Structure formats: C-alpha cells, structure tokens
Amino acid sequence: MLYGIFCYDSEAEVDAWPKEKDDQVMAELGGVLSKLAEQKRLGPTARLGPTTAATTIRKGKTAAVIDGPFAETKEQLLGFYVIDCASREEAIEAAKALAAASGSSGAFEIRPIKFFQPGVGVSG
C-alpha cells in the first residue's frame, strides 16, 4: 500500500539553519531515502518552497485567490514522501527513520494514499 509521509515543522527554525546544518540534514535524509530506494519502496519526494511564496485557492462558487499558506500555524508543511509499505507499521518505521534524520522537532504525519496518479514527464 502507498503511504504519504508529510513533514511539518517550524519554517522559521528550519530557514534559520546555517547552510552546513541544512546540508547535513539533507545528507542524513538522503541516507534514509537511499535505503528505501534500494528496497524499491520509495516514490516521489519533495521539499517545498517557503510559505511566503504560497498561494491558496479557496473553493466556492467563485474561487478566491489568497497569497500565503492556508493557515496561521507554528508548523507548516515543508515536504512529503510517498512510500510503498506492506503495513502501517512499516510506514511508521520509515517515518521514524526520517524523523531521526531530520534534525528538528517537528512532526511527520502518515496517511494511506487512496488514489495515486504518477504523472508524466515531470522533473525538477
């Protein structure tokens, strides 16, 4: 089953990291991702840009376009991972490994994916 692992953290805290710490954290996360890739369990991953660059579209009869993130919260969605696991417990273990490598105090939310469309020709 596919699971989404969503990384929530203090954007201000993460943005304040020196480049050396950010590089170290990304390298440690890369190690976890490499293991998942070797096991053929890693799907798309993304580190999102800052919430100051976000735009929100509010649903309704007329869509409302709002600059910024959807909510004023301490922790923001900073990135996500799609992984293929046989069980919820396996997904939890993967999220724990990501959390140990993340270098911060945020949270990882795990959700089963009900529908997945891999896309065509998208690259960074």
PDB file of N, CA and C in Angstrom:
ATOM      1  N   MET A   1       0.840  -1.173   0.000  1.00  0.00           N
ATOM      2  CA  MET A   1       0.000   0.000   0.000  1.00  0.00           C
ATOM      3  C   MET A   1       0.887   1.238   0.000  1.00  0.00           C
ATOM      4  N   LEU A   2       0.433   2.254  -0.693  1.00  0.00           N
ATOM      5  CA  LEU A   2       1.161   3.520  -0.698  1.00  0.00           C
ATOM      6  C   LEU A   2       0.752   4.375   0.492  1.00  0.00           C
ATOM      7  N   TYR A   3       1.750   5.035   1.064  1.00  0.00           N
ATOM      8  CA  TYR A   3       1.524   5.960   2.178  1.00  0.00           C
ATOM      9  C   TYR A   3       2.187   7.289   1.847  1.00  0.00           C
ATOM     10  N   GLY A   4       1.547   8.359   2.272  1.00  0.00           N
ATOM     11  CA  GLY A   4       2.164   9.675   2.226  1.00  0.00           C
ATOM     12  C   GLY A   4       2.707   9.990   3.607  1.00  0.00           C
ATOM     13  N   ILE A   5       3.933  10.448   3.667  1.00  0.00           N
ATOM     14  CA  ILE A   5       4.522  10.917   4.922  1.00  0.00           C
ATOM     15  C   ILE A   5       4.758  12.411   4.740  1.00  0.00           C
ATOM     16  N   PHE A   6       4.083  13.200   5.560  1.00  0.00           N
ATOM     17  CA  PHE A   6       4.111  14.652   5.423  1.00  0.00           C
ATOM     18  C   PHE A   6       4.927  15.256   6.557  1.00  0.00           C
ATOM     19  N   CYS A   7       5.891  16.094   6.201  1.00  0.00           N
ATOM     20  CA  CYS A   7       6.808  16.705   7.165  1.00  0.00           C
ATOM     21  C   CYS A   7       6.295  18.090   7.550  1.00  0.00           C
ATOM     22  N   TYR A   8       5.955  18.248   8.821  1.00  0.00           N
ATOM     23  CA  TYR A   8       5.536  19.543   9.363  1.00  0.00           C
ATOM     24  C   TYR A   8       6.608  20.025  10.326  1.00  0.00           C
ATOM     25  N   ASP A   9       6.945  21.305  10.224  1.00  0.00           N
ATOM     26  CA  ASP A   9       7.973  21.835  11.107  1.00  0.00           C
ATOM     27  C   ASP A   9       7.851  23.346  11.172  1.00  0.00           C
ATOM     28  N   SER A  10       8.618  23.929  12.066  1.00  0.00           N
ATOM     29  CA  SER A  10       8.694  25.381  12.172  1.00  0.00           C
ATOM     30  C   SER A  10       9.530  25.894  11.003  1.00  0.00           C
ATOM     31  N   GLU A  11       8.876  26.559  10.082  1.00  0.00           N
ATOM     32  CA  GLU A  11       9.587  27.080   8.919  1.00  0.00           C
ATOM     33  C   GLU A  11      10.670  28.076   9.337  1.00  0.00           C
ATOM     34  N   ALA A  12      10.370  28.898  10.328  1.00  0.00           N
ATOM     35  CA  ALA A  12      11.352  29.883  10.799  1.00  0.00           C
ATOM     36  C   ALA A  12      12.595  29.193  11.349  1.00  0.00           C
ATOM     37  N   GLU A  13      12.390  28.099  12.101  1.00  0.00           N
ATOM     38  CA  GLU A  13      13.530  27.365  12.672  1.00  0.00           C
ATOM     39  C   GLU A  13      14.380  26.740  11.573  1.00  0.00           C
ATOM     40  N   VAL A  14      13.732  26.069  10.635  1.00  0.00           N
ATOM     41  CA  VAL A  14      14.461  25.389   9.563  1.00  0.00           C
ATOM     42  C   VAL A  14      15.157  26.407   8.657  1.00  0.00           C
ATOM     43  N   ASP A  15      14.479  27.508   8.342  1.00  0.00           N
ATOM     44  CA  ASP A  15      15.089  28.541   7.490  1.00  0.00           C
ATOM     45  C   ASP A  15      16.284  29.211   8.158  1.00  0.00           C
ATOM     46  N   ALA A  16      16.336  29.186   9.491  1.00  0.00           N
ATOM     47  CA  ALA A  16      17.438  29.826  10.223  1.00  0.00           C
ATOM     48  C   ALA A  16      18.684  28.943  10.312  1.00  0.00           C
ATOM     49  N   TRP A  17      18.572  27.689   9.901  1.00  0.00           N
ATOM     50  CA  TRP A  17      19.738  26.813   9.952  1.00  0.00           C
ATOM     51  C   TRP A  17      20.858  27.365   9.077  1.00  0.00           C
ATOM     52  N   PRO A  18      22.105  27.258   9.541  1.00  0.00           N
ATOM     53  CA  PRO A  18      23.226  27.574   8.657  1.00  0.00           C
ATOM     54  C   PRO A  18      23.270  26.550   7.517  1.00  0.00           C
ATOM     55  N   LYS A  19      23.876  26.919   6.409  1.00  0.00           N
ATOM     56  CA  LYS A  19      23.951  26.029   5.249  1.00  0.00           C
ATOM     57  C   LYS A  19      24.557  24.678   5.616  1.00  0.00           C
ATOM     58  N   GLU A  20      25.541  24.687   6.492  1.00  0.00           N
ATOM     59  CA  GLU A  20      26.201  23.438   6.886  1.00  0.00           C
ATOM     60  C   GLU A  20      25.219  22.479   7.549  1.00  0.00           C
ATOM     61  N   LYS A  21      24.353  22.993   8.436  1.00  0.00           N
ATOM     62  CA  LYS A  21      23.376  22.126   9.104  1.00  0.00           C
ATOM     63  C   LYS A  21      22.344  21.634   8.100  1.00  0.00           C
ATOM     64  N   ASP A  22      21.876  22.519   7.228  1.00  0.00           N
ATOM     65  CA  ASP A  22      20.901  22.113   6.219  1.00  0.00           C
ATOM     66  C   ASP A  22      21.488  21.019   5.329  1.00  0.00           C
ATOM     67  N   ASP A  23      22.728  21.197   4.896  1.00  0.00           N
ATOM     68  CA  ASP A  23      23.388  20.178   4.074  1.00  0.00           C
ATOM     69  C   ASP A  23      23.518  18.859   4.826  1.00  0.00           C
ATOM     70  N   GLN A  24      23.851  18.923   6.122  1.00  0.00           N
ATOM     71  CA  GLN A  24      23.991  17.715   6.935  1.00  0.00           C
ATOM     72  C   GLN A  24      22.651  16.988   7.059  1.00  0.00           C
ATOM     73  N   VAL A  25      21.592  17.733   7.354  1.00  0.00           N
ATOM     74  CA  VAL A  25      20.265  17.125   7.493  1.00  0.00           C
ATOM     75  C   VAL A  25      19.832  16.504   6.168  1.00  0.00           C
ATOM     76  N   MET A  26      20.034  17.219   5.067  1.00  0.00           N
ATOM     77  CA  MET A  26      19.638  16.675   3.768  1.00  0.00           C
ATOM     78  C   MET A  26      20.436  15.412   3.433  1.00  0.00           C
ATOM     79  N   ALA A  27      21.707  15.371   3.823  1.00  0.00           N
ATOM     80  CA  ALA A  27      22.519  14.170   3.596  1.00  0.00           C
ATOM     81  C   ALA A  27      22.005  13.001   4.432  1.00  0.00           C
ATOM     82  N   GLU A  28      21.648  13.263   5.685  1.00  0.00           N
ATOM     83  CA  GLU A  28      21.119  12.198   6.546  1.00  0.00           C
ATOM     84  C   GLU A  28      19.772  11.701   6.026  1.00  0.00           C
ATOM     85  N   LEU A  29      18.919  12.620   5.596  1.00  0.00           N
ATOM     86  CA  LEU A  29      17.647  12.212   4.994  1.00  0.00           C
ATOM     87  C   LEU A  29      17.908  11.422   3.711  1.00  0.00           C
ATOM     88  N   GLY A  30      18.906  11.847   2.948  1.00  0.00           N
ATOM     89  CA  GLY A  30      19.268  11.131   1.726  1.00  0.00           C
ATOM     90  C   GLY A  30      19.661   9.690   2.000  1.00  0.00           C
ATOM     91  N   GLY A  31      20.314   9.448   3.132  1.00  0.00           N
ATOM     92  CA  GLY A  31      20.662   8.079   3.506  1.00  0.00           C
ATOM     93  C   GLY A  31      19.432   7.220   3.738  1.00  0.00           C
ATOM     94  N   VAL A  32      18.437   7.781   4.413  1.00  0.00           N
ATOM     95  CA  VAL A  32      17.181   7.053   4.644  1.00  0.00           C
ATOM     96  C   VAL A  32      16.489   6.795   3.307  1.00  0.00           C
ATOM     97  N   LEU A  33      16.446   7.811   2.456  1.00  0.00           N
ATOM     98  CA  LEU A  33      15.786   7.667   1.157  1.00  0.00           C
ATOM     99  C   LEU A  33      16.505   6.645   0.282  1.00  0.00           C
ATOM    100  N   SER A  34      17.827   6.594   0.354  1.00  0.00           N
ATOM    101  CA  SER A  34      18.589   5.608  -0.419  1.00  0.00           C
ATOM    102  C   SER A  34      18.221   4.188  -0.012  1.00  0.00           C
ATOM    103  N   LYS A  35      18.075   3.963   1.292  1.00  0.00           N
ATOM    104  CA  LYS A  35      17.680   2.632   1.772  1.00  0.00           C
ATOM    105  C   LYS A  35      16.293   2.261   1.258  1.00  0.00           C
ATOM    106  N   LEU A  36      15.354   3.219   1.317  1.00  0.00           N
ATOM    107  CA  LEU A  36      14.006   2.952   0.806  1.00  0.00           C
ATOM    108  C   LEU A  36      14.043   2.693  -0.700  1.00  0.00           C
ATOM    109  N   ALA A  37      14.885   3.423  -1.431  1.00  0.00           N
ATOM    110  CA  ALA A  37      15.007   3.226  -2.877  1.00  0.00           C
ATOM    111  C   ALA A  37      15.584   1.845  -3.186  1.00  0.00           C
ATOM    112  N   GLU A  38      16.604   1.423  -2.433  1.00  0.00           N
ATOM    113  CA  GLU A  38      17.197   0.097  -2.628  1.00  0.00           C
ATOM    114  C   GLU A  38      16.160  -1.001  -2.422  1.00  0.00           C
ATOM    115  N   GLN A  39      15.214  -0.753  -1.514  1.00  0.00           N
ATOM    116  CA  GLN A  39      14.153  -1.718  -1.225  1.00  0.00           C
ATOM    117  C   GLN A  39      12.980  -1.573  -2.192  1.00  0.00           C
ATOM    118  N   LYS A  40      13.095  -0.676  -3.168  1.00  0.00           N
ATOM    119  CA  LYS A  40      12.036  -0.416  -4.162  1.00  0.00           C
ATOM    120  C   LYS A  40      10.747   0.050  -3.491  1.00  0.00           C
ATOM    121  N   ARG A  41      10.893   0.849  -2.420  1.00  0.00           N
ATOM    122  CA  ARG A  41       9.729   1.329  -1.674  1.00  0.00           C
ATOM    123  C   ARG A  41       9.563   2.844  -1.749  1.00  0.00           C
ATOM    124  N   LEU A  42      10.466   3.537  -2.454  1.00  0.00           N
ATOM    125  CA  LEU A  42      10.446   4.995  -2.478  1.00  0.00           C
ATOM    126  C   LEU A  42       9.742   5.519  -3.719  1.00  0.00           C
ATOM    127  N   GLY A  43       8.765   6.374  -3.495  1.00  0.00           N
ATOM    128  CA  GLY A  43       8.088   7.078  -4.582  1.00  0.00           C
ATOM    129  C   GLY A  43       8.563   8.518  -4.627  1.00  0.00           C
ATOM    130  N   PRO A  44       7.736   9.420  -5.155  1.00  0.00           N
ATOM    131  CA  PRO A  44       8.123  10.831  -5.245  1.00  0.00           C
ATOM    132  C   PRO A  44       8.369  11.449  -3.870  1.00  0.00           C
ATOM    133  N   THR A  45       9.302  12.382  -3.825  1.00  0.00           N
ATOM    134  CA  THR A  45       9.571  13.161  -2.618  1.00  0.00           C
ATOM    135  C   THR A  45       9.708  14.620  -3.033  1.00  0.00           C
ATOM    136  N   ALA A  46       9.436  15.526  -2.108  1.00  0.00           N
ATOM    137  CA  ALA A  46       9.578  16.950  -2.428  1.00  0.00           C
ATOM    138  C   ALA A  46       9.871  17.749  -1.170  1.00  0.00           C
ATOM    139  N   ARG A  47      10.758  18.709  -1.304  1.00  0.00           N
ATOM    140  CA  ARG A  47      10.968  19.726  -0.278  1.00  0.00           C
ATOM    141  C   ARG A  47      10.316  20.985  -0.838  1.00  0.00           C
ATOM    142  N   LEU A  48       9.332  21.482  -0.122  1.00  0.00           N
ATOM    143  CA  LEU A  48       8.553  22.601  -0.628  1.00  0.00           C
ATOM    144  C   LEU A  48       9.257  23.928  -0.401  1.00  0.00           C
ATOM    145  N   GLY A  49       8.938  24.895  -1.254  1.00  0.00           N
ATOM    146  CA  GLY A  49       9.450  26.251  -1.101  1.00  0.00           C
ATOM    147  C   GLY A  49       8.783  26.931   0.081  1.00  0.00           C
ATOM    148  N   PRO A  50       9.180  28.165   0.374  1.00  0.00           N
ATOM    149  CA  PRO A  50       8.671  28.861   1.558  1.00  0.00           C
ATOM    150  C   PRO A  50       7.186  29.200   1.452  1.00  0.00           C
ATOM    151  N   THR A  51       6.544  29.268   2.612  1.00  0.00           N
ATOM    152  CA  THR A  51       5.117  29.622   2.627  1.00  0.00           C
ATOM    153  C   THR A  51       4.891  31.038   2.125  1.00  0.00           C
ATOM    154  N   THR A  52       5.914  31.884   2.170  1.00  0.00           N
ATOM    155  CA  THR A  52       5.769  33.244   1.644  1.00  0.00           C
ATOM    156  C   THR A  52       5.558  33.237   0.135  1.00  0.00           C
ATOM    157  N   ALA A  53       5.889  32.133  -0.522  1.00  0.00           N
ATOM    158  CA  ALA A  53       5.670  32.001  -1.960  1.00  0.00           C
ATOM    159  C   ALA A  53       4.393  31.222  -2.270  1.00  0.00           C
ATOM    160  N   ALA A  54       3.655  30.835  -1.233  1.00  0.00           N
ATOM    161  CA  ALA A  54       2.442  30.031  -1.419  1.00  0.00           C
ATOM    162  C   ALA A  54       1.267  30.890  -1.879  1.00  0.00           C
ATOM    163  N   THR A  55       0.371  30.259  -2.592  1.00  0.00           N
ATOM    164  CA  THR A  55      -0.910  30.852  -2.965  1.00  0.00           C
ATOM    165  C   THR A  55      -1.980  29.836  -2.625  1.00  0.00           C
ATOM    166  N   THR A  56      -3.057  30.277  -2.007  1.00  0.00           N
ATOM    167  CA  THR A  56      -4.159  29.401  -1.637  1.00  0.00           C
ATOM    168  C   THR A  56      -5.371  29.763  -2.482  1.00  0.00           C
ATOM    169  N   ILE A  57      -6.056  28.757  -2.996  1.00  0.00           N
ATOM    170  CA  ILE A  57      -7.309  28.949  -3.723  1.00  0.00           C
ATOM    171  C   ILE A  57      -8.420  28.427  -2.832  1.00  0.00           C
ATOM    172  N   ARG A  58      -9.306  29.308  -2.380  1.00  0.00           N
ATOM    173  CA  ARG A  58     -10.456  28.913  -1.562  1.00  0.00           C
ATOM    174  C   ARG A  58     -11.583  28.480  -2.483  1.00  0.00           C
ATOM    175  N   LYS A  59     -12.128  27.296  -2.209  1.00  0.00           N
ATOM    176  CA  LYS A  59     -13.220  26.772  -3.026  1.00  0.00           C
ATOM    177  C   LYS A  59     -14.509  27.520  -2.726  1.00  0.00           C
ATOM    178  N   GLY A  60     -15.383  27.545  -3.693  1.00  0.00           N
ATOM    179  CA  GLY A  60     -16.676  28.189  -3.552  1.00  0.00           C
ATOM    180  C   GLY A  60     -17.236  28.459  -4.936  1.00  0.00           C
ATOM    181  N   LYS A  61     -18.358  29.160  -4.998  1.00  0.00           N
ATOM    182  CA  LYS A  61     -18.936  29.486  -6.308  1.00  0.00           C
ATOM    183  C   LYS A  61     -17.934  30.255  -7.151  1.00  0.00           C
ATOM    184  N   THR A  62     -17.231  31.159  -6.510  1.00  0.00           N
ATOM    185  CA  THR A  62     -16.144  31.882  -7.159  1.00  0.00           C
ATOM    186  C   THR A  62     -14.884  31.607  -6.350  1.00  0.00           C
ATOM    187  N   ALA A  63     -13.893  31.042  -7.012  1.00  0.00           N
ATOM    188  CA  ALA A  63     -12.650  30.715  -6.305  1.00  0.00           C
ATOM    189  C   ALA A  63     -11.968  31.993  -5.835  1.00  0.00           C
ATOM    190  N   ALA A  64     -11.549  31.998  -4.587  1.00  0.00           N
ATOM    191  CA  ALA A  64     -10.826  33.135  -4.025  1.00  0.00           C
ATOM    192  C   ALA A  64      -9.343  32.808  -4.001  1.00  0.00           C
ATOM    193  N   VAL A  65      -8.532  33.709  -4.511  1.00  0.00           N
ATOM    194  CA  VAL A  65      -7.086  33.526  -4.544  1.00  0.00           C
ATOM    195  C   VAL A  65      -6.477  34.345  -3.415  1.00  0.00           C
ATOM    196  N   ILE A  66      -5.721  33.662  -2.541  1.00  0.00           N
ATOM    197  CA  ILE A  66      -5.150  34.301  -1.357  1.00  0.00           C
ATOM    198  C   ILE A  66      -3.650  34.043  -1.344  1.00  0.00           C
ATOM    199  N   ASP A  67      -2.861  35.088  -1.167  1.00  0.00           N
ATOM    200  CA  ASP A  67      -1.412  34.902  -1.028  1.00  0.00           C
ATOM    201  C   ASP A  67      -1.116  34.257   0.312  1.00  0.00           C
ATOM    202  N   GLY A  68      -0.141  33.355   0.318  1.00  0.00           N
ATOM    203  CA  GLY A  68       0.307  32.758   1.565  1.00  0.00           C
ATOM    204  C   GLY A  68      -0.307  31.408   1.840  1.00  0.00           C
ATOM    205  N   PRO A  69       0.113  30.817   2.960  1.00  0.00           N
ATOM    206  CA  PRO A  69      -0.364  29.484   3.324  1.00  0.00           C
ATOM    207  C   PRO A  69      -1.816  29.527   3.777  1.00  0.00           C
ATOM    208  N   PHE A  70      -2.412  28.340   3.888  1.00  0.00           N
ATOM    209  CA  PHE A  70      -3.827  28.245   4.215  1.00  0.00           C
ATOM    210  C   PHE A  70      -4.145  28.636   5.642  1.00  0.00           C
ATOM    211  N   ALA A  71      -3.184  28.568   6.530  1.00  0.00           N
ATOM    212  CA  ALA A  71      -3.487  28.826   7.945  1.00  0.00           C
ATOM    213  C   ALA A  71      -2.281  29.437   8.639  1.00  0.00           C
ATOM    214  N   GLU A  72      -2.569  30.175   9.674  1.00  0.00           N
ATOM    215  CA  GLU A  72      -1.506  30.720  10.522  1.00  0.00           C
ATOM    216  C   GLU A  72      -1.234  29.699  11.623  1.00  0.00           C
ATOM    217  N   THR A  73      -0.206  28.911  11.444  1.00  0.00           N
ATOM    218  CA  THR A  73       0.158  27.904  12.432  1.00  0.00           C
ATOM    219  C   THR A  73       1.661  27.958  12.657  1.00  0.00           C
ATOM    220  N   LYS A  74       2.097  27.414  13.781  1.00  0.00           N
ATOM    221  CA  LYS A  74       3.532  27.395  14.080  1.00  0.00           C
ATOM    222  C   LYS A  74       4.266  26.458  13.131  1.00  0.00           C
ATOM    223  N   GLU A  75       3.671  25.305  12.859  1.00  0.00           N
ATOM    224  CA  GLU A  75       4.302  24.331  11.977  1.00  0.00           C
ATOM    225  C   GLU A  75       3.625  24.357  10.613  1.00  0.00           C
ATOM    226  N   GLN A  76       4.425  24.327   9.575  1.00  0.00           N
ATOM    227  CA  GLN A  76       3.938  24.337   8.202  1.00  0.00           C
ATOM    228  C   GLN A  76       4.355  23.046   7.507  1.00  0.00           C
ATOM    229  N   LEU A  77       3.634  22.702   6.445  1.00  0.00           N
ATOM    230  CA  LEU A  77       4.018  21.565   5.616  1.00  0.00           C
ATOM    231  C   LEU A  77       5.262  21.963   4.833  1.00  0.00           C
ATOM    232  N   LEU A  78       6.376  21.281   5.090  1.00  0.00           N
ATOM    233  CA  LEU A  78       7.642  21.619   4.438  1.00  0.00           C
ATOM    234  C   LEU A  78       8.035  20.635   3.347  1.00  0.00           C
ATOM    235  N   GLY A  79       7.447  19.441   3.354  1.00  0.00           N
ATOM    236  CA  GLY A  79       7.790  18.458   2.339  1.00  0.00           C
ATOM    237  C   GLY A  79       6.991  17.186   2.514  1.00  0.00           C
ATOM    238  N   PHE A  80       7.166  16.269   1.560  1.00  0.00           N
ATOM    239  CA  PHE A  80       6.446  14.999   1.648  1.00  0.00           C
ATOM    240  C   PHE A  80       7.220  13.894   0.953  1.00  0.00           C
ATOM    241  N   TYR A  81       6.855  12.669   1.316  1.00  0.00           N
ATOM    242  CA  TYR A  81       7.434  11.460   0.760  1.00  0.00           C
ATOM    243  C   TYR A  81       6.285  10.515   0.434  1.00  0.00           C
ATOM    244  N   VAL A  82       6.398   9.779  -0.665  1.00  0.00           N
ATOM    245  CA  VAL A  82       5.460   8.704  -0.971  1.00  0.00           C
ATOM    246  C   VAL A  82       6.253   7.414  -0.878  1.00  0.00           C
ATOM    247  N   ILE A  83       5.771   6.490  -0.051  1.00  0.00           N
ATOM    248  CA  ILE A  83       6.473   5.220   0.123  1.00  0.00           C
ATOM    249  C   ILE A  83       5.492   4.064  -0.035  1.00  0.00           C
ATOM    250  N   ASP A  84       6.024   2.922  -0.419  1.00  0.00           N
ATOM    251  CA  ASP A  84       5.228   1.711  -0.594  1.00  0.00           C
ATOM    252  C   ASP A  84       5.578   0.761   0.545  1.00  0.00           C
ATOM    253  N   CYS A  85       4.609   0.479   1.396  1.00  0.00           N
ATOM    254  CA  CYS A  85       4.835  -0.382   2.561  1.00  0.00           C
ATOM    255  C   CYS A  85       3.759  -1.456   2.629  1.00  0.00           C
ATOM    256  N   ALA A  86       4.128  -2.593   3.162  1.00  0.00           N
ATOM    257  CA  ALA A  86       3.183  -3.696   3.317  1.00  0.00           C
ATOM    258  C   ALA A  86       2.182  -3.436   4.435  1.00  0.00           C
ATOM    259  N   SER A  87       2.548  -2.554   5.370  1.00  0.00           N
ATOM    260  CA  SER A  87       1.669  -2.320   6.517  1.00  0.00           C
ATOM    261  C   SER A  87       1.870  -0.910   7.065  1.00  0.00           C
ATOM    262  N   ARG A  88       0.928  -0.506   7.893  1.00  0.00           N
ATOM    263  CA  ARG A  88       1.024   0.780   8.589  1.00  0.00           C
ATOM    264  C   ARG A  88       2.273   0.799   9.468  1.00  0.00           C
ATOM    265  N   GLU A  89       2.575  -0.336  10.085  1.00  0.00           N
ATOM    266  CA  GLU A  89       3.740  -0.430  10.956  1.00  0.00           C
ATOM    267  C   GLU A  89       5.035  -0.157  10.185  1.00  0.00           C
ATOM    268  N   GLU A  90       5.136  -0.676   8.955  1.00  0.00           N
ATOM    269  CA  GLU A  90       6.309  -0.399   8.120  1.00  0.00           C
ATOM    270  C   GLU A  90       6.400   1.091   7.806  1.00  0.00           C
ATOM    271  N   ALA A  91       5.260   1.715   7.520  1.00  0.00           N
ATOM    272  CA  ALA A  91       5.241   3.158   7.239  1.00  0.00           C
ATOM    273  C   ALA A  91       5.681   3.949   8.472  1.00  0.00           C
ATOM    274  N   ILE A  92       5.248   3.507   9.640  1.00  0.00           N
ATOM    275  CA  ILE A  92       5.654   4.169  10.889  1.00  0.00           C
ATOM    276  C   ILE A  92       7.164   4.054  11.075  1.00  0.00           C
ATOM    277  N   GLU A  93       7.728   2.885  10.809  1.00  0.00           N
ATOM    278  CA  GLU A  93       9.180   2.707  10.946  1.00  0.00           C
ATOM    279  C   GLU A  93       9.933   3.614   9.974  1.00  0.00           C
ATOM    280  N   ALA A  94       9.436   3.756   8.755  1.00  0.00           N
ATOM    281  CA  ALA A  94      10.073   4.654   7.786  1.00  0.00           C
ATOM    282  C   ALA A  94       9.998   6.097   8.270  1.00  0.00           C
ATOM    283  N   ALA A  95       8.846   6.499   8.793  1.00  0.00           N
ATOM    284  CA  ALA A  95       8.689   7.865   9.304  1.00  0.00           C
ATOM    285  C   ALA A  95       9.597   8.107  10.505  1.00  0.00           C
ATOM    286  N   LYS A  96       9.760   7.098  11.358  1.00  0.00           N
ATOM    287  CA  LYS A  96      10.674   7.234  12.500  1.00  0.00           C
ATOM    288  C   LYS A  96      12.110   7.445  12.023  1.00  0.00           C
ATOM    289  N   ALA A  97      12.514   6.723  10.984  1.00  0.00           N
ATOM    290  CA  ALA A  97      13.867   6.891  10.443  1.00  0.00           C
ATOM    291  C   ALA A  97      14.040   8.293   9.861  1.00  0.00           C
ATOM    292  N   LEU A  98      13.025   8.789   9.158  1.00  0.00           N
ATOM    293  CA  LEU A  98      13.083  10.154   8.628  1.00  0.00           C
ATOM    294  C   LEU A  98      13.148  11.169   9.764  1.00  0.00           C
ATOM    295  N   ALA A  99      12.355  10.941  10.811  1.00  0.00           N
ATOM    296  CA  ALA A  99      12.340  11.858  11.956  1.00  0.00           C
ATOM    297  C   ALA A  99      13.703  11.899  12.637  1.00  0.00           C
ATOM    298  N   ALA A 100      14.339  10.746  12.784  1.00  0.00           N
ATOM    299  CA  ALA A 100      15.653  10.696  13.427  1.00  0.00           C
ATOM    300  C   ALA A 100      16.698  11.449  12.611  1.00  0.00           C
ATOM    301  N   ALA A 101      16.527  11.480  11.297  1.00  0.00           N
ATOM    302  CA  ALA A 101      17.488  12.153  10.422  1.00  0.00           C
ATOM    303  C   ALA A 101      17.173  13.628  10.205  1.00  0.00           C
ATOM    304  N   SER A 102      16.008  14.078  10.647  1.00  0.00           N
ATOM    305  CA  SER A 102      15.538  15.412  10.253  1.00  0.00           C
ATOM    306  C   SER A 102      16.186  16.570  10.985  1.00  0.00           C
ATOM    307  N   GLY A 103      16.721  16.357  12.161  1.00  0.00           N
ATOM    308  CA  GLY A 103      17.429  17.421  12.858  1.00  0.00           C
ATOM    309  C   GLY A 103      16.565  18.529  13.416  1.00  0.00           C
ATOM    310  N   SER A 104      15.275  18.259  13.599  1.00  0.00           N
ATOM    311  CA  SER A 104      14.394  19.298  14.143  1.00  0.00           C
ATOM    312  C   SER A 104      13.300  18.659  14.981  1.00  0.00           C
ATOM    313  N   SER A 105      12.421  19.487  15.509  1.00  0.00           N
ATOM    314  CA  SER A 105      11.426  18.986  16.461  1.00  0.00           C
ATOM    315  C   SER A 105      10.010  18.937  15.904  1.00  0.00           C
ATOM    316  N   GLY A 106       9.837  18.984  14.621  1.00  0.00           N
ATOM    317  CA  GLY A 106       8.502  18.990  14.028  1.00  0.00           C
ATOM    318  C   GLY A 106       7.824  17.638  14.123  1.00  0.00           C
ATOM    319  N   ALA A 107       6.946  17.359  13.173  1.00  0.00           N
ATOM    320  CA  ALA A 107       6.169  16.124  13.181  1.00  0.00           C
ATOM    321  C   ALA A 107       6.078  15.549  11.777  1.00  0.00           C
ATOM    322  N   PHE A 108       5.915  14.240  11.714  1.00  0.00           N
ATOM    323  CA  PHE A 108       5.634  13.561  10.460  1.00  0.00           C
ATOM    324  C   PHE A 108       4.240  12.958  10.569  1.00  0.00           C
ATOM    325  N   GLU A 109       3.402  13.243   9.610  1.00  0.00           N
ATOM    326  CA  GLU A 109       2.047  12.685   9.553  1.00  0.00           C
ATOM    327  C   GLU A 109       2.034  11.614   8.472  1.00  0.00           C
ATOM    328  N   ILE A 110       1.463  10.459   8.798  1.00  0.00           N
ATOM    329  CA  ILE A 110       1.397   9.337   7.861  1.00  0.00           C
ATOM    330  C   ILE A 110      -0.061   9.133   7.468  1.00  0.00           C
ATOM    331  N   ARG A 111      -0.304   9.052   6.167  1.00  0.00           N
ATOM    332  CA  ARG A 111      -1.666   8.768   5.692  1.00  0.00           C
ATOM    333  C   ARG A 111      -1.617   7.756   4.558  1.00  0.00           C
ATOM    334  N   PRO A 112      -2.559   6.802   4.563  1.00  0.00           N
ATOM    335  CA  PRO A 112      -2.658   5.916   3.407  1.00  0.00           C
ATOM    336  C   PRO A 112      -3.097   6.735   2.193  1.00  0.00           C
ATOM    337  N   ILE A 113      -2.584   6.378   1.034  1.00  0.00           N
ATOM    338  CA  ILE A 113      -2.964   7.064  -0.199  1.00  0.00           C
ATOM    339  C   ILE A 113      -4.088   6.273  -0.853  1.00  0.00           C
ATOM    340  N   LYS A 114      -5.213   6.932  -1.074  1.00  0.00           N
ATOM    341  CA  LYS A 114      -6.376   6.270  -1.671  1.00  0.00           C
ATOM    342  C   LYS A 114      -6.324   6.285  -3.193  1.00  0.00           C
ATOM    343  N   PHE A 115      -5.706   7.296  -3.777  1.00  0.00           N
ATOM    344  CA  PHE A 115      -5.588   7.405  -5.230  1.00  0.00           C
ATOM    345  C   PHE A 115      -4.226   7.990  -5.539  1.00  0.00           C
ATOM    346  N   PHE A 116      -3.534   7.421  -6.521  1.00  0.00           N
ATOM    347  CA  PHE A 116      -2.211   7.914  -6.887  1.00  0.00           C
ATOM    348  C   PHE A 116      -2.102   7.960  -8.398  1.00  0.00           C
ATOM    349  N   GLN A 117      -1.763   9.112  -8.920  1.00  0.00           N
ATOM    350  CA  GLN A 117      -1.503   9.294 -10.346  1.00  0.00           C
ATOM    351  C   GLN A 117      -0.043   9.708 -10.476  1.00  0.00           C
ATOM    352  N   PRO A 118       0.832   8.871 -11.021  1.00  0.00           N
ATOM    353  CA  PRO A 118       2.255   9.182 -11.004  1.00  0.00           C
ATOM    354  C   PRO A 118       2.666  10.375 -11.854  1.00  0.00           C
ATOM    355  N   GLY A 119       1.861  10.777 -12.805  1.00  0.00           N
ATOM    356  CA  GLY A 119       2.225  11.918 -13.640  1.00  0.00           C
ATOM    357  C   GLY A 119       3.086  11.493 -14.820  1.00  0.00           C
ATOM    358  N   VAL A 120       3.316  12.440 -15.718  1.00  0.00           N
ATOM    359  CA  VAL A 120       4.074  12.158 -16.927  1.00  0.00           C
ATOM    360  C   VAL A 120       5.073  13.291 -17.163  1.00  0.00           C
ATOM    361  N   GLY A 121       6.315  12.964 -17.280  1.00  0.00           N
ATOM    362  CA  GLY A 121       7.321  13.922 -17.710  1.00  0.00           C
ATOM    363  C   GLY A 121       7.606  15.074 -16.772  1.00  0.00           C
ATOM    364  N   VAL A 122       7.340  14.928 -15.490  1.00  0.00           N
ATOM    365  CA  VAL A 122       7.629  15.993 -14.539  1.00  0.00           C
ATOM    366  C   VAL A 122       9.006  15.738 -13.948  1.00  0.00           C
ATOM    367  N   SER A 123       9.847  16.755 -13.983  1.00  0.00           N
ATOM    368  CA  SER A 123      11.158  16.627 -13.349  1.00  0.00           C
ATOM    369  C   SER A 123      11.528  17.958 -12.727  1.00  0.00           C
ATOM    370  N   GLY A 124      12.438  17.917 -11.760  1.00  0.00           N
ATOM    371  CA  GLY A 124      12.840  19.115 -11.031  1.00  0.00           C
ATOM    372  C   GLY A 124      13.864  19.858 -11.791  1.00  0.00           C
TER     373      GLY A 124
END
